């Protein structure tokens, strides 16, 4: 029997695959996946006509206690903003418009529901 961590990892990876495909089908170009700088991480970084999107992906299995996006709290938002600043600096894109999005994926058996929240939050000071 698979352990809880293995199931979480599998659900998370599958959710990120679905989220990346969703973004590409919506006209985004995925620039990075699982980008890291030390302890900071961004699930997906994409480019669209309106700028750079820093996307947090939350995946859960139905039934859930709360919507997955509710788990992107203030601390996580601050870390995402800090990571985004670092990515922009390292990639010479500091003047670009930035968006912070959340994609939640809820699996129910073999089916799933995608919920895209563009501009889900404004970055907090870093």
Protein backbone atom coordinates (compact mmCIF):
# COMPACT_ATOMS: atom_id res chain seq x y z
CA UNK A 1 0.00 0.00 0.00
CA UNK A 2 1.32 3.45 -0.92
CA UNK A 3 2.23 5.76 1.91
CA UNK A 4 0.53 9.12 2.37
CA UNK A 5 3.61 11.07 1.15
CA UNK A 6 3.77 9.02 -2.08
CA UNK A 7 0.10 9.71 -2.78
CA UNK A 8 0.58 13.45 -2.13
CA UNK A 9 3.59 13.55 -4.45
CA UNK A 10 1.70 11.73 -7.20
CA UNK A 11 -1.35 13.99 -6.86
CA UNK A 12 0.86 17.08 -6.81
CA UNK A 13 2.84 16.08 -9.92
CA UNK A 14 -0.33 15.15 -11.80
CA UNK A 15 -1.95 18.44 -10.79
CA UNK A 16 1.05 20.43 -12.02
CA UNK A 17 0.98 18.58 -15.36
CA UNK A 18 -2.71 19.41 -15.79
CA UNK A 19 -2.14 23.04 -14.74
CA UNK A 20 0.74 23.48 -17.21
CA UNK A 21 -1.34 21.98 -20.02
CA UNK A 22 -4.28 24.23 -19.06
CA UNK A 23 -2.07 27.33 -19.22
CA UNK A 24 -0.61 26.35 -22.61
CA UNK A 25 -4.10 25.73 -24.00
CA UNK A 26 -5.01 29.22 -22.71
CA UNK A 27 -2.19 30.84 -24.71
CA UNK A 28 0.61 30.87 -22.12
CA UNK A 29 4.17 29.80 -22.78
CA UNK A 30 5.49 27.87 -19.81
CA UNK A 31 8.96 29.21 -19.01
CA UNK A 32 9.75 27.24 -15.86
CA UNK A 33 8.31 24.48 -13.73
CA UNK A 34 9.25 23.89 -10.10
CA UNK A 35 11.76 26.75 -10.19
CA UNK A 36 13.82 26.95 -7.01
CA UNK A 37 16.15 29.43 -5.37
CA UNK A 38 17.25 28.05 -2.03
CA UNK A 39 14.11 27.40 0.02
CA UNK A 40 11.93 29.42 -2.36
CA UNK A 41 9.89 27.70 -5.07
CA UNK A 42 7.44 28.63 -7.80
CA UNK A 43 5.34 25.84 -9.29
CA UNK A 44 4.90 27.36 -12.77
CA UNK A 45 6.21 30.52 -14.39
CA UNK A 46 4.52 31.38 -17.66
CA UNK A 47 4.47 34.18 -20.19
CA UNK A 48 1.22 35.50 -21.65
CA UNK A 49 0.23 38.62 -23.57
CA UNK A 50 -0.39 40.47 -20.29
CA UNK A 51 2.98 39.63 -18.70
CA UNK A 52 4.71 37.05 -16.53
CA UNK A 53 2.50 34.77 -14.42
CA UNK A 54 3.77 33.17 -11.23
CA UNK A 55 1.42 30.28 -10.61
CA UNK A 56 0.86 28.32 -7.41
CA UNK A 57 -0.77 24.94 -8.04
CA UNK A 58 -2.83 23.26 -5.33
CA UNK A 59 -4.08 19.73 -5.90
CA UNK A 60 -6.42 17.74 -3.68
CA UNK A 61 -8.53 14.61 -3.76
CA UNK A 62 -12.30 14.96 -3.29
CA UNK A 63 -13.76 15.40 -0.73
CA UNK A 64 -11.72 18.30 0.57
CA UNK A 65 -12.27 20.22 3.78
CA UNK A 66 -11.79 23.55 1.98
CA UNK A 67 -11.02 24.82 -1.48
CA UNK A 68 -7.35 24.11 -2.23
CA UNK A 69 -6.59 27.77 -2.98
CA UNK A 70 -7.50 28.65 0.61
CA UNK A 71 -4.18 27.08 1.60
CA UNK A 72 -2.24 29.89 -0.09
CA UNK A 73 -2.06 32.05 3.00
CA UNK A 74 -0.10 35.23 3.78
CA UNK A 75 3.21 33.47 4.49
CA UNK A 76 3.08 31.51 1.25
CA UNK A 77 2.15 34.63 -0.69
CA UNK A 78 5.10 36.50 0.75
CA UNK A 79 7.49 33.66 -0.18
CA UNK A 80 6.04 33.57 -3.71
CA UNK A 81 6.57 37.32 -4.09
CA UNK A 82 10.15 36.99 -2.86
CA UNK A 83 10.80 34.10 -5.25
CA UNK A 84 9.26 36.07 -8.13
CA UNK A 85 11.56 39.03 -7.43
CA UNK A 86 14.53 36.70 -7.45
CA UNK A 87 13.44 35.08 -10.73
CA UNK A 88 12.85 38.47 -12.40
CA UNK A 89 16.29 39.72 -11.34
CA UNK A 90 18.10 36.56 -12.46
CA UNK A 91 16.33 36.58 -15.83
CA UNK A 92 16.62 40.29 -16.60
CA UNK A 93 12.87 40.83 -16.68
CA UNK A 94 12.43 43.30 -13.82
CA UNK A 95 10.36 45.74 -15.90
CA UNK A 96 7.66 43.26 -16.91
CA UNK A 97 4.08 43.16 -15.67
CA UNK A 98 3.62 40.35 -13.15
CA UNK A 99 0.59 38.36 -12.12
CA UNK A 100 0.20 35.97 -9.19
CA UNK A 101 -2.24 33.21 -10.06
CA UNK A 102 -3.55 30.09 -8.37
CA UNK A 103 -4.73 26.96 -10.12
CA UNK A 104 -6.55 24.40 -8.01
CA UNK A 105 -7.13 20.86 -9.18
CA UNK A 106 -9.59 18.63 -7.35
CA UNK A 107 -9.49 14.96 -8.33
CA UNK A 108 -12.51 12.71 -8.01
CA UNK A 109 -11.63 9.23 -9.19
CA UNK A 110 -10.42 9.50 -12.79
CA UNK A 111 -11.99 12.92 -13.32
CA UNK A 112 -10.82 16.30 -12.10
CA UNK A 113 -11.96 19.92 -11.91
CA UNK A 114 -9.65 22.82 -12.73
CA UNK A 115 -10.22 26.21 -11.15
CA UNK A 116 -8.06 29.05 -12.46
CA UNK A 117 -7.77 32.19 -10.36
CA UNK A 118 -5.84 34.73 -12.39
CA UNK A 119 -4.43 37.59 -10.34
CA UNK A 120 -5.49 35.73 -7.20
CA UNK A 121 -3.53 38.08 -4.99
CA UNK A 122 -1.30 41.12 -5.00
CA UNK A 123 2.22 40.49 -3.73
CA UNK A 124 3.05 41.52 -0.21
CA UNK A 125 6.24 43.43 0.50
CA UNK A 126 9.31 41.22 0.45
